[in-house]
Amino acid sequence: MSVSAAEIEQALRAALAPQALDVQDDSHLHAGHAGALEGRHFSVRIVSPGFKGLARVARHRLVYDALHSLMPRGIHALAIDARVPDEP
């Protein structure tokens, strides 16, 4: 069973209580790409106060931690834009 954008959104809302969240399934943009056979491609834009004081890598780790149970279900690629409120 393949993972959906809605499942990713639900997991991120539960773990990180974002003020803003947008999850896009970009898989159609990668049709024919070898990795497309291994899973889906997603883009995540998330704004959460929980990222305050954290470097970009630490923010991404929090996102990956929140999605750990979904990763084996077919997330091949994940583009992350993780910000704190009021960050441009």
PDB file of N, CA and C in Angstrom:
ATOM      1  N   MET A   1       0.840  -1.184   0.000  1.00  0.00           N
ATOM      2  CA  MET A   1       0.000   0.000   0.000  1.00  0.00           C
ATOM      3  C   MET A   1       0.885   1.247   0.000  1.00  0.00           C
ATOM      4  N   SER A   2       0.650   2.132  -0.925  1.00  0.00           N
ATOM      5  CA  SER A   2       1.442   3.346  -1.067  1.00  0.00           C
ATOM      6  C   SER A   2       0.975   4.422  -0.090  1.00  0.00           C
ATOM      7  N   VAL A   3       1.911   5.215   0.358  1.00  0.00           N
ATOM      8  CA  VAL A   3       1.602   6.302   1.293  1.00  0.00           C
ATOM      9  C   VAL A   3       0.982   7.475   0.527  1.00  0.00           C
ATOM     10  N   SER A   4       0.104   8.221   1.196  1.00  0.00           N
ATOM     11  CA  SER A   4      -0.560   9.360   0.556  1.00  0.00           C
ATOM     12  C   SER A   4      -0.117  10.677   1.196  1.00  0.00           C
ATOM     13  N   ALA A   5      -0.361  11.765   0.493  1.00  0.00           N
ATOM     14  CA  ALA A   5      -0.070  13.095   1.026  1.00  0.00           C
ATOM     15  C   ALA A   5      -0.877  13.350   2.298  1.00  0.00           C
ATOM     16  N   ALA A   6      -2.104  12.858   2.344  1.00  0.00           N
ATOM     17  CA  ALA A   6      -2.950  13.039   3.527  1.00  0.00           C
ATOM     18  C   ALA A   6      -2.353  12.344   4.754  1.00  0.00           C
ATOM     19  N   GLU A   7      -1.778  11.180   4.573  1.00  0.00           N
ATOM     20  CA  GLU A   7      -1.142  10.468   5.689  1.00  0.00           C
ATOM     21  C   GLU A   7       0.093  11.214   6.178  1.00  0.00           C
ATOM     22  N   ILE A   8       0.859  11.762   5.253  1.00  0.00           N
ATOM     23  CA  ILE A   8       2.034  12.548   5.629  1.00  0.00           C
ATOM     24  C   ILE A   8       1.588  13.774   6.415  1.00  0.00           C
ATOM     25  N   GLU A   9       0.564  14.450   5.921  1.00  0.00           N
ATOM     26  CA  GLU A   9       0.048  15.632   6.610  1.00  0.00           C
ATOM     27  C   GLU A   9      -0.423  15.287   8.021  1.00  0.00           C
ATOM     28  N   GLN A  10      -1.153  14.205   8.161  1.00  0.00           N
ATOM     29  CA  GLN A  10      -1.655  13.793   9.473  1.00  0.00           C
ATOM     30  C   GLN A  10      -0.500  13.513  10.446  1.00  0.00           C
ATOM     31  N   ALA A  11       0.523  12.816   9.988  1.00  0.00           N
ATOM     32  CA  ALA A  11       1.665  12.487  10.852  1.00  0.00           C
ATOM     33  C   ALA A  11       2.422  13.749  11.276  1.00  0.00           C
ATOM     34  N   LEU A  12       2.601  14.683  10.342  1.00  0.00           N
ATOM     35  CA  LEU A  12       3.318  15.912  10.673  1.00  0.00           C
ATOM     36  C   LEU A  12       2.508  16.799  11.614  1.00  0.00           C
ATOM     37  N   ARG A  13       1.203  16.856  11.422  1.00  0.00           N
ATOM     38  CA  ARG A  13       0.356  17.636  12.337  1.00  0.00           C
ATOM     39  C   ARG A  13       0.417  17.062  13.752  1.00  0.00           C
ATOM     40  N   ALA A  14       0.373  15.764  13.869  1.00  0.00           N
ATOM     41  CA  ALA A  14       0.403  15.123  15.185  1.00  0.00           C
ATOM     42  C   ALA A  14       1.737  15.328  15.892  1.00  0.00           C
ATOM     43  N   ALA A  15       2.826  15.260  15.158  1.00  0.00           N
ATOM     44  CA  ALA A  15       4.152  15.316  15.770  1.00  0.00           C
ATOM     45  C   ALA A  15       4.681  16.726  15.991  1.00  0.00           C
ATOM     46  N   LEU A  16       4.349  17.663  15.087  1.00  0.00           N
ATOM     47  CA  LEU A  16       5.017  18.960  15.099  1.00  0.00           C
ATOM     48  C   LEU A  16       4.088  20.153  15.293  1.00  0.00           C
ATOM     49  N   ALA A  17       2.786  19.920  15.374  1.00  0.00           N
ATOM     50  CA  ALA A  17       1.808  20.991  15.600  1.00  0.00           C
ATOM     51  C   ALA A  17       2.119  22.237  14.762  1.00  0.00           C
ATOM     52  N   PRO A  18       2.162  22.086  13.444  1.00  0.00           N
ATOM     53  CA  PRO A  18       2.536  23.223  12.605  1.00  0.00           C
ATOM     54  C   PRO A  18       1.471  24.308  12.559  1.00  0.00           C
ATOM     55  N   GLN A  19       1.927  25.533  12.349  1.00  0.00           N
ATOM     56  CA  GLN A  19       1.015  26.655  12.118  1.00  0.00           C
ATOM     57  C   GLN A  19       0.581  26.683  10.655  1.00  0.00           C
ATOM     58  N   ALA A  20       1.426  26.171   9.799  1.00  0.00           N
ATOM     59  CA  ALA A  20       1.109  26.064   8.375  1.00  0.00           C
ATOM     60  C   ALA A  20       1.747  24.787   7.845  1.00  0.00           C
ATOM     61  N   LEU A  21       1.038  24.127   6.942  1.00  0.00           N
ATOM     62  CA  LEU A  21       1.537  22.874   6.382  1.00  0.00           C
ATOM     63  C   LEU A  21       0.949  22.668   4.997  1.00  0.00           C
ATOM     64  N   ASP A  22       1.818  22.346   4.052  1.00  0.00           N
ATOM     65  CA  ASP A  22       1.389  22.020   2.700  1.00  0.00           C
ATOM     66  C   ASP A  22       2.182  20.804   2.246  1.00  0.00           C
ATOM     67  N   VAL A  23       1.490  19.752   1.883  1.00  0.00           N
ATOM     68  CA  VAL A  23       2.125  18.530   1.390  1.00  0.00           C
ATOM     69  C   VAL A  23       1.638  18.305  -0.034  1.00  0.00           C
ATOM     70  N   GLN A  24       2.574  18.196  -0.958  1.00  0.00           N
ATOM     71  CA  GLN A  24       2.258  17.988  -2.369  1.00  0.00           C
ATOM     72  C   GLN A  24       2.833  16.663  -2.842  1.00  0.00           C
ATOM     73  N   ASP A  25       2.043  15.910  -3.578  1.00  0.00           N
ATOM     74  CA  ASP A  25       2.517  14.689  -4.222  1.00  0.00           C
ATOM     75  C   ASP A  25       3.055  15.086  -5.590  1.00  0.00           C
ATOM     76  N   ASP A  26       4.361  15.009  -5.755  1.00  0.00           N
ATOM     77  CA  ASP A  26       5.027  15.400  -6.995  1.00  0.00           C
ATOM     78  C   ASP A  26       5.375  14.205  -7.881  1.00  0.00           C
ATOM     79  N   SER A  27       4.813  13.059  -7.589  1.00  0.00           N
ATOM     80  CA  SER A  27       5.182  11.834  -8.294  1.00  0.00           C
ATOM     81  C   SER A  27       4.993  11.935  -9.796  1.00  0.00           C
ATOM     82  N   HIS A  28       3.951  12.637 -10.232  1.00  0.00           N
ATOM     83  CA  HIS A  28       3.690  12.765 -11.669  1.00  0.00           C
ATOM     84  C   HIS A  28       4.824  13.482 -12.403  1.00  0.00           C
ATOM     85  N   LEU A  29       5.593  14.275 -11.675  1.00  0.00           N
ATOM     86  CA  LEU A  29       6.712  14.988 -12.295  1.00  0.00           C
ATOM     87  C   LEU A  29       7.917  14.086 -12.527  1.00  0.00           C
ATOM     88  N   HIS A  30       7.877  12.887 -11.946  1.00  0.00           N
ATOM     89  CA  HIS A  30       9.019  11.978 -12.012  1.00  0.00           C
ATOM     90  C   HIS A  30       8.697  10.685 -12.756  1.00  0.00           C
ATOM     91  N   ALA A  31       7.618  10.688 -13.510  1.00  0.00           N
ATOM     92  CA  ALA A  31       7.258   9.505 -14.297  1.00  0.00           C
ATOM     93  C   ALA A  31       8.416   9.142 -15.225  1.00  0.00           C
ATOM     94  N   GLY A  32       8.746   7.879 -15.251  1.00  0.00           N
ATOM     95  CA  GLY A  32       9.848   7.414 -16.080  1.00  0.00           C
ATOM     96  C   GLY A  32      11.188   7.422 -15.371  1.00  0.00           C
ATOM     97  N   HIS A  33      11.297   8.123 -14.270  1.00  0.00           N
ATOM     98  CA  HIS A  33      12.512   8.161 -13.454  1.00  0.00           C
ATOM     99  C   HIS A  33      12.656   6.809 -12.750  1.00  0.00           C
ATOM    100  N   ALA A  34      13.866   6.290 -12.687  1.00  0.00           N
ATOM    101  CA  ALA A  34      14.077   4.971 -12.082  1.00  0.00           C
ATOM    102  C   ALA A  34      13.533   4.899 -10.660  1.00  0.00           C
ATOM    103  N   GLY A  35      13.685   5.972  -9.898  1.00  0.00           N
ATOM    104  CA  GLY A  35      13.210   5.975  -8.516  1.00  0.00           C
ATOM    105  C   GLY A  35      11.706   5.964  -8.394  1.00  0.00           C
ATOM    106  N   ALA A  36      11.007   6.295  -9.473  1.00  0.00           N
ATOM    107  CA  ALA A  36       9.537   6.306  -9.435  1.00  0.00           C
ATOM    108  C   ALA A  36       8.994   4.914  -9.168  1.00  0.00           C
ATOM    109  N   LEU A  37       9.749   3.899  -9.518  1.00  0.00           N
ATOM    110  CA  LEU A  37       9.326   2.528  -9.253  1.00  0.00           C
ATOM    111  C   LEU A  37       9.479   2.162  -7.777  1.00  0.00           C
ATOM    112  N   GLU A  38      10.308   2.888  -7.057  1.00  0.00           N
ATOM    113  CA  GLU A  38      10.591   2.583  -5.651  1.00  0.00           C
ATOM    114  C   GLU A  38       9.660   3.304  -4.691  1.00  0.00           C
ATOM    115  N   GLY A  39       8.912   4.291  -5.171  1.00  0.00           N
ATOM    116  CA  GLY A  39       8.016   5.008  -4.282  1.00  0.00           C
ATOM    117  C   GLY A  39       7.639   6.363  -4.848  1.00  0.00           C
ATOM    118  N   ARG A  40       6.928   7.114  -4.026  1.00  0.00           N
ATOM    119  CA  ARG A  40       6.383   8.400  -4.449  1.00  0.00           C
ATOM    120  C   ARG A  40       7.308   9.554  -4.053  1.00  0.00           C
ATOM    121  N   HIS A  41       7.139  10.682  -4.734  1.00  0.00           N
ATOM    122  CA  HIS A  41       7.909  11.894  -4.485  1.00  0.00           C
ATOM    123  C   HIS A  41       6.978  12.938  -3.867  1.00  0.00           C
ATOM    124  N   PHE A  42       7.412  13.555  -2.775  1.00  0.00           N
ATOM    125  CA  PHE A  42       6.597  14.546  -2.082  1.00  0.00           C
ATOM    126  C   PHE A  42       7.404  15.804  -1.791  1.00  0.00           C
ATOM    127  N   SER A  43       6.693  16.934  -1.708  1.00  0.00           N
ATOM    128  CA  SER A  43       7.254  18.196  -1.241  1.00  0.00           C
ATOM    129  C   SER A  43       6.465  18.612  -0.013  1.00  0.00           C
ATOM    130  N   VAL A  44       7.183  19.053   1.024  1.00  0.00           N
ATOM    131  CA  VAL A  44       6.557  19.476   2.271  1.00  0.00           C
ATOM    132  C   VAL A  44       7.027  20.888   2.597  1.00  0.00           C
ATOM    133  N   ARG A  45       6.080  21.774   2.838  1.00  0.00           N
ATOM    134  CA  ARG A  45       6.385  23.104   3.372  1.00  0.00           C
ATOM    135  C   ARG A  45       5.698  23.169   4.713  1.00  0.00           C
ATOM    136  N   ILE A  46       6.493  23.333   5.784  1.00  0.00           N
ATOM    137  CA  ILE A  46       5.965  23.291   7.135  1.00  0.00           C
ATOM    138  C   ILE A  46       6.523  24.454   7.956  1.00  0.00           C
ATOM    139  N   VAL A  47       5.643  25.095   8.700  1.00  0.00           N
ATOM    140  CA  VAL A  47       6.015  26.194   9.588  1.00  0.00           C
ATOM    141  C   VAL A  47       5.600  25.787  10.993  1.00  0.00           C
ATOM    142  N   SER A  48       6.590  25.668  11.885  1.00  0.00           N
ATOM    143  CA  SER A  48       6.309  25.219  13.248  1.00  0.00           C
ATOM    144  C   SER A  48       7.216  25.934  14.249  1.00  0.00           C
ATOM    145  N   PRO A  49       6.645  26.362  15.389  1.00  0.00           N
ATOM    146  CA  PRO A  49       7.473  26.958  16.431  1.00  0.00           C
ATOM    147  C   PRO A  49       8.472  25.952  17.009  1.00  0.00           C
ATOM    148  N   GLY A  50       8.211  24.668  16.808  1.00  0.00           N
ATOM    149  CA  GLY A  50       9.119  23.629  17.298  1.00  0.00           C
ATOM    150  C   GLY A  50      10.484  23.632  16.632  1.00  0.00           C
ATOM    151  N   PHE A  51      10.622  24.354  15.531  1.00  0.00           N
ATOM    152  CA  PHE A  51      11.901  24.443  14.823  1.00  0.00           C
ATOM    153  C   PHE A  51      12.778  25.575  15.343  1.00  0.00           C
ATOM    154  N   LYS A  52      12.250  26.380  16.251  1.00  0.00           N
ATOM    155  CA  LYS A  52      12.992  27.551  16.731  1.00  0.00           C
ATOM    156  C   LYS A  52      14.358  27.155  17.294  1.00  0.00           C
ATOM    157  N   GLY A  53      15.385  27.856  16.849  1.00  0.00           N
ATOM    158  CA  GLY A  53      16.742  27.623  17.322  1.00  0.00           C
ATOM    159  C   GLY A  53      17.441  26.427  16.696  1.00  0.00           C
ATOM    160  N   LEU A  54      16.760  25.735  15.781  1.00  0.00           N
ATOM    161  CA  LEU A  54      17.349  24.544  15.166  1.00  0.00           C
ATOM    162  C   LEU A  54      17.902  24.861  13.776  1.00  0.00           C
ATOM    163  N   ALA A  55      19.031  24.247  13.464  1.00  0.00           N
ATOM    164  CA  ALA A  55      19.599  24.357  12.124  1.00  0.00           C
ATOM    165  C   ALA A  55      18.731  23.577  11.145  1.00  0.00           C
ATOM    166  N   ARG A  56      18.925  23.831   9.873  1.00  0.00           N
ATOM    167  CA  ARG A  56      18.132  23.177   8.830  1.00  0.00           C
ATOM    168  C   ARG A  56      18.174  21.652   8.931  1.00  0.00           C
ATOM    169  N   VAL A  57      19.342  21.098   9.173  1.00  0.00           N
ATOM    170  CA  VAL A  57      19.471  19.643   9.266  1.00  0.00           C
ATOM    171  C   VAL A  57      18.660  19.101  10.448  1.00  0.00           C
ATOM    172  N   ALA A  58      18.680  19.777  11.568  1.00  0.00           N
ATOM    173  CA  ALA A  58      17.917  19.338  12.744  1.00  0.00           C
ATOM    174  C   ALA A  58      16.412  19.421  12.476  1.00  0.00           C
ATOM    175  N   ARG A  59      15.983  20.433  11.759  1.00  0.00           N
ATOM    176  CA  ARG A  59      14.568  20.552  11.396  1.00  0.00           C
ATOM    177  C   ARG A  59      14.153  19.386  10.503  1.00  0.00           C
ATOM    178  N   HIS A  60      14.990  19.072   9.537  1.00  0.00           N
ATOM    179  CA  HIS A  60      14.697  17.956   8.634  1.00  0.00           C
ATOM    180  C   HIS A  60      14.651  16.641   9.400  1.00  0.00           C
ATOM    181  N   ARG A  61      15.523  16.480  10.369  1.00  0.00           N
ATOM    182  CA  ARG A  61      15.494  15.257  11.185  1.00  0.00           C
ATOM    183  C   ARG A  61      14.168  15.108  11.913  1.00  0.00           C
ATOM    184  N   LEU A  62      13.637  16.213  12.430  1.00  0.00           N
ATOM    185  CA  LEU A  62      12.339  16.159  13.110  1.00  0.00           C
ATOM    186  C   LEU A  62      11.241  15.726  12.143  1.00  0.00           C
ATOM    187  N   VAL A  63      11.295  16.220  10.924  1.00  0.00           N
ATOM    188  CA  VAL A  63      10.301  15.815   9.919  1.00  0.00           C
ATOM    189  C   VAL A  63      10.445  14.328   9.608  1.00  0.00           C
ATOM    190  N   TYR A  64      11.665  13.877   9.371  1.00  0.00           N
ATOM    191  CA  TYR A  64      11.886  12.458   9.089  1.00  0.00           C
ATOM    192  C   TYR A  64      11.483  11.588  10.277  1.00  0.00           C
ATOM    193  N   ASP A  65      11.761  12.030  11.496  1.00  0.00           N
ATOM    194  CA  ASP A  65      11.340  11.273  12.677  1.00  0.00           C
ATOM    195  C   ASP A  65       9.821  11.133  12.722  1.00  0.00           C
ATOM    196  N   ALA A  66       9.113  12.202  12.372  1.00  0.00           N
ATOM    197  CA  ALA A  66       7.649  12.164  12.383  1.00  0.00           C
ATOM    198  C   ALA A  66       7.099  11.207  11.321  1.00  0.00           C
ATOM    199  N   LEU A  67       7.865  10.987  10.275  1.00  0.00           N
ATOM    200  CA  LEU A  67       7.410  10.149   9.169  1.00  0.00           C
ATOM    201  C   LEU A  67       8.036   8.759   9.153  1.00  0.00           C
ATOM    202  N   HIS A  68       8.752   8.400  10.206  1.00  0.00           N
ATOM    203  CA  HIS A  68       9.517   7.146  10.204  1.00  0.00           C
ATOM    204  C   HIS A  68       8.668   5.916   9.874  1.00  0.00           C
ATOM    205  N   SER A  69       7.437   5.864  10.339  1.00  0.00           N
ATOM    206  CA  SER A  69       6.621   4.679  10.066  1.00  0.00           C
ATOM    207  C   SER A  69       6.065   4.674   8.645  1.00  0.00           C
ATOM    208  N   LEU A  70       6.043   5.823   7.993  1.00  0.00           N
ATOM    209  CA  LEU A  70       5.536   5.900   6.622  1.00  0.00           C
ATOM    210  C   LEU A  70       6.622   5.685   5.573  1.00  0.00           C
ATOM    211  N   MET A  71       7.865   5.938   5.921  1.00  0.00           N
ATOM    212  CA  MET A  71       8.959   5.852   4.946  1.00  0.00           C
ATOM    213  C   MET A  71       9.007   4.496   4.230  1.00  0.00           C
ATOM    214  N   PRO A  72       8.917   3.380   4.949  1.00  0.00           N
ATOM    215  CA  PRO A  72       9.008   2.093   4.249  1.00  0.00           C
ATOM    216  C   PRO A  72       7.802   1.788   3.350  1.00  0.00           C
ATOM    217  N   ARG A  73       6.758   2.572   3.465  1.00  0.00           N
ATOM    218  CA  ARG A  73       5.549   2.342   2.662  1.00  0.00           C
ATOM    219  C   ARG A  73       5.612   3.019   1.311  1.00  0.00           C
ATOM    220  N   GLY A  74       6.735   3.606   0.981  1.00  0.00           N
ATOM    221  CA  GLY A  74       6.865   4.098  -0.382  1.00  0.00           C
ATOM    222  C   GLY A  74       7.157   5.571  -0.558  1.00  0.00           C
ATOM    223  N   ILE A  75       7.845   6.196   0.382  1.00  0.00           N
ATOM    224  CA  ILE A  75       8.322   7.557   0.154  1.00  0.00           C
ATOM    225  C   ILE A  75       9.726   7.433  -0.424  1.00  0.00           C
ATOM    226  N   HIS A  76       9.862   7.724  -1.695  1.00  0.00           N
ATOM    227  CA  HIS A  76      11.175   7.634  -2.344  1.00  0.00           C
ATOM    228  C   HIS A  76      11.952   8.936  -2.191  1.00  0.00           C
ATOM    229  N   ALA A  77      11.242  10.070  -2.315  1.00  0.00           N
ATOM    230  CA  ALA A  77      11.903  11.371  -2.231  1.00  0.00           C
ATOM    231  C   ALA A  77      11.021  12.335  -1.442  1.00  0.00           C
ATOM    232  N   LEU A  78      11.679  13.181  -0.650  1.00  0.00           N
ATOM    233  CA  LEU A  78      10.961  14.135   0.185  1.00  0.00           C
ATOM    234  C   LEU A  78      11.729  15.452   0.185  1.00  0.00           C
ATOM    235  N   ALA A  79      11.147  16.467  -0.455  1.00  0.00           N
ATOM    236  CA  ALA A  79      11.734  17.814  -0.447  1.00  0.00           C
ATOM    237  C   ALA A  79      11.102  18.563   0.720  1.00  0.00           C
ATOM    238  N   ILE A  80      11.934  19.102   1.609  1.00  0.00           N
ATOM    239  CA  ILE A  80      11.437  19.727   2.834  1.00  0.00           C
ATOM    240  C   ILE A  80      11.834  21.195   2.893  1.00  0.00           C
ATOM    241  N   ASP A  81      10.846  22.042   3.158  1.00  0.00           N
ATOM    242  CA  ASP A  81      11.056  23.455   3.462  1.00  0.00           C
ATOM    243  C   ASP A  81      10.478  23.641   4.869  1.00  0.00           C
ATOM    244  N   ALA A  82      11.343  23.671   5.870  1.00  0.00           N
ATOM    245  CA  ALA A  82      10.919  23.742   7.280  1.00  0.00           C
ATOM    246  C   ALA A  82      11.341  25.081   7.871  1.00  0.00           C
ATOM    247  N   ARG A  83      10.358  25.837   8.345  1.00  0.00           N
ATOM    248  CA  ARG A  83      10.620  27.195   8.866  1.00  0.00           C
ATOM    249  C   ARG A  83       9.934  27.412  10.192  1.00  0.00           C
ATOM    250  N   VAL A  84      10.380  28.437  10.901  1.00  0.00           N
ATOM    251  CA  VAL A  84       9.702  28.897  12.112  1.00  0.00           C
ATOM    252  C   VAL A  84       8.765  30.026  11.704  1.00  0.00           C
ATOM    253  N   PRO A  85       7.737  30.309  12.534  1.00  0.00           N
ATOM    254  CA  PRO A  85       6.863  31.436  12.207  1.00  0.00           C
ATOM    255  C   PRO A  85       7.696  32.718  12.066  1.00  0.00           C
ATOM    256  N   ASP A  86       7.271  33.563  11.174  1.00  0.00           N
ATOM    257  CA  ASP A  86       7.926  34.854  10.889  1.00  0.00           C
ATOM    258  C   ASP A  86       9.254  34.719  10.176  1.00  0.00           C
ATOM    259  N   GLU A  87       9.642  33.529   9.771  1.00  0.00           N
ATOM    260  CA  GLU A  87      10.864  33.350   8.991  1.00  0.00           C
ATOM    261  C   GLU A  87      10.484  33.483   7.504  1.00  0.00           C
ATOM    262  N   PRO A  88      11.220  34.305   6.781  1.00  0.00           N
ATOM    263  CA  PRO A  88      10.865  34.501   5.357  1.00  0.00           C
ATOM    264  C   PRO A  88      11.077  33.250   4.525  1.00  0.00           C
TER     265      PRO A  88
END
